[in-house]
Amino acid sequence: AVVSTQSTGDNKADVMKQLKAAVGVMVLLGTGWIVGILLTLQTPELQLTLQYIFIILNAIQGVFVFLFYVCLNEQVMNHWLIKFGLKTVVNSTSSSTGGDSRKGSNNGAATIKTCDGNVYSNGNATSEDHTYAN
């Protein structure tokens, strides 16, 4: 049996984060279709305006998904900050001591801890924290 090492506070934070993401997706995808339902109104002068609003809202959904889930993603921002030299990488081994085996030069930039040079890995995680651990 796998025992979770996360505390209740971390679990609650994860649930709130997922709930926030779910509500965001519902609002993002549902707004256009609320206008679509309003298209059933039999008011000719309102129909054309609602059709344009429906088309515009549905057309920009992809842009908003890209902005919210890619551009505003902390891991993606960290990756690009490292690429542009605004953050430096502190490499570490995944040992239980938590000590860093190699350190990058700081040069006044912010520092991010990674494992084996991979910006998407969690340097603080142990093998028990991952579903697909080796």
Protein backbone atom coordinates (compact mmCIF):
# COMPACT_ATOMS: atom_id res chain seq x y z
CA ALA A 1 0.00 0.00 0.00
CA VAL A 2 1.18 3.50 -0.80
CA VAL A 3 0.98 5.95 2.08
CA SER A 4 0.66 9.62 1.22
CA THR A 5 3.33 11.85 2.72
CA GLN A 6 1.35 15.02 2.07
CA SER A 7 -0.16 16.81 5.03
CA THR A 8 -3.84 17.72 5.21
CA GLY A 9 -3.02 21.37 4.46
CA ASP A 10 -1.24 20.42 1.25
CA ASN A 11 -4.17 18.22 0.24
CA LYS A 12 -6.62 21.03 0.93
CA ALA A 13 -4.49 23.44 -1.12
CA ASP A 14 -4.44 20.95 -4.02
CA VAL A 15 -8.23 20.55 -3.88
CA MET A 16 -8.71 24.32 -3.86
CA LYS A 17 -6.31 24.68 -6.79
CA GLN A 18 -8.21 22.04 -8.78
CA LEU A 19 -11.55 23.60 -7.86
CA LYS A 20 -10.32 27.01 -9.01
CA ALA A 21 -9.13 25.51 -12.30
CA ALA A 22 -12.44 23.70 -12.82
CA VAL A 23 -14.49 26.83 -12.18
CA GLY A 24 -12.22 28.78 -14.52
CA VAL A 25 -12.72 26.26 -17.31
CA MET A 26 -16.49 26.21 -16.76
CA VAL A 27 -16.67 30.00 -16.97
CA LEU A 28 -14.32 30.13 -19.95
CA LEU A 29 -16.16 27.49 -21.96
CA GLY A 30 -19.67 28.22 -20.69
CA THR A 31 -19.85 31.95 -21.37
CA GLY A 32 -20.11 31.55 -25.12
CA TRP A 33 -22.75 28.88 -24.83
CA ILE A 34 -24.89 30.99 -22.51
CA VAL A 35 -24.95 33.52 -25.34
CA GLY A 36 -25.71 30.58 -27.68
CA ILE A 37 -28.79 29.71 -25.62
CA LEU A 38 -29.87 33.36 -25.82
CA LEU A 39 -29.80 32.99 -29.61
CA THR A 40 -33.10 31.15 -29.34
CA LEU A 41 -34.80 34.47 -28.54
CA GLN A 42 -36.95 35.49 -31.48
CA THR A 43 -35.88 39.13 -31.53
CA PRO A 44 -34.44 39.94 -35.00
CA GLU A 45 -32.54 43.07 -33.95
CA LEU A 46 -30.88 41.14 -31.11
CA GLN A 47 -30.08 38.02 -33.17
CA LEU A 48 -27.26 39.51 -35.25
CA THR A 49 -25.56 41.07 -32.20
CA LEU A 50 -25.79 37.81 -30.24
CA GLN A 51 -24.41 35.87 -33.21
CA TYR A 52 -21.34 38.13 -33.36
CA ILE A 53 -20.82 37.89 -29.59
CA PHE A 54 -21.16 34.08 -29.76
CA ILE A 55 -18.62 33.83 -32.59
CA ILE A 56 -16.12 36.16 -30.91
CA LEU A 57 -16.36 34.43 -27.50
CA ASN A 58 -15.92 30.97 -29.01
CA ALA A 59 -13.06 32.14 -31.25
CA ILE A 60 -11.00 33.60 -28.39
CA GLN A 61 -11.43 30.61 -26.06
CA GLY A 62 -8.22 29.08 -27.37
CA VAL A 63 -6.31 32.29 -26.69
CA PHE A 64 -7.56 32.36 -23.10
CA VAL A 65 -6.73 28.68 -22.56
CA PHE A 66 -3.21 29.36 -23.85
CA LEU A 67 -2.80 32.42 -21.60
CA PHE A 68 -4.20 30.89 -18.42
CA TYR A 69 -2.82 27.37 -18.67
CA VAL A 70 0.46 27.93 -20.51
CA CYS A 71 1.70 31.50 -20.16
CA LEU A 72 0.61 31.88 -16.52
CA ASN A 73 1.83 28.40 -15.54
CA GLU A 74 4.60 28.71 -12.95
CA GLN A 75 6.68 25.88 -14.42
CA VAL A 76 6.54 27.38 -17.91
CA MET A 77 7.44 30.84 -16.60
CA ASN A 78 10.38 29.37 -14.65
CA HIS A 79 11.57 27.56 -17.78
CA TRP A 80 11.57 30.75 -19.85
CA LEU A 81 13.11 32.83 -17.05
CA ILE A 82 15.97 30.33 -16.95
CA LYS A 83 16.29 30.38 -20.76
CA PHE A 84 16.54 34.19 -20.75
CA GLY A 85 19.05 34.18 -17.87
CA LEU A 86 16.75 35.85 -15.35
CA LYS A 87 16.91 32.78 -13.09
CA THR A 88 19.73 30.35 -12.51
CA VAL A 89 19.45 26.63 -11.90
CA VAL A 90 20.68 24.96 -8.75
CA ASN A 91 21.18 21.29 -9.56
CA SER A 92 20.77 18.74 -6.81
CA THR A 93 20.75 15.00 -6.43
CA SER A 94 17.62 13.27 -5.24
CA SER A 95 19.27 11.99 -2.07
CA SER A 96 17.51 11.90 1.27
CA THR A 97 19.95 14.41 2.80
CA GLY A 98 18.55 17.21 0.67
CA GLY A 99 21.99 18.72 0.09
CA ASP A 100 22.98 20.29 -3.18
CA SER A 101 25.82 18.54 -4.98
CA ARG A 102 26.36 21.22 -7.64
CA LYS A 103 25.40 24.88 -7.70
CA GLY A 104 25.12 27.21 -10.65
CA SER A 105 26.46 30.74 -10.51
CA ASN A 106 23.94 33.27 -9.27
CA ASN A 107 25.10 36.58 -10.82
CA GLY A 108 22.35 38.46 -8.97
CA ALA A 109 19.53 36.47 -10.57
CA ALA A 110 16.89 34.48 -8.73
CA THR A 111 17.61 30.81 -8.11
CA ILE A 112 15.41 27.79 -8.74
CA LYS A 113 16.14 24.29 -7.42
CA THR A 114 15.83 21.45 -9.90
CA CYS A 115 16.81 17.82 -10.01
CA ASP A 116 19.40 16.75 -12.59
CA GLY A 117 18.97 19.95 -14.62
CA ASN A 118 15.31 19.27 -15.45
CA VAL A 119 13.22 22.39 -14.76
CA TYR A 120 10.04 20.31 -14.67
CA SER A 121 11.20 17.96 -11.92
CA ASN A 122 10.59 18.52 -8.24
CA GLY A 123 13.94 18.65 -6.47
CA ASN A 124 12.30 18.26 -3.05
CA ALA A 125 10.27 15.16 -3.92
CA THR A 126 11.19 11.64 -2.90
CA SER A 127 10.45 8.52 -4.93
CA GLU A 128 7.43 7.82 -2.70
CA ASP A 129 5.83 11.12 -3.81
CA HIS A 130 5.48 10.06 -7.44
CA THR A 131 3.05 7.70 -9.06
CA TYR A 132 5.52 6.73 -11.77
CA ALA A 133 8.63 6.42 -9.60
CA ASN A 134 11.48 4.30 -10.94
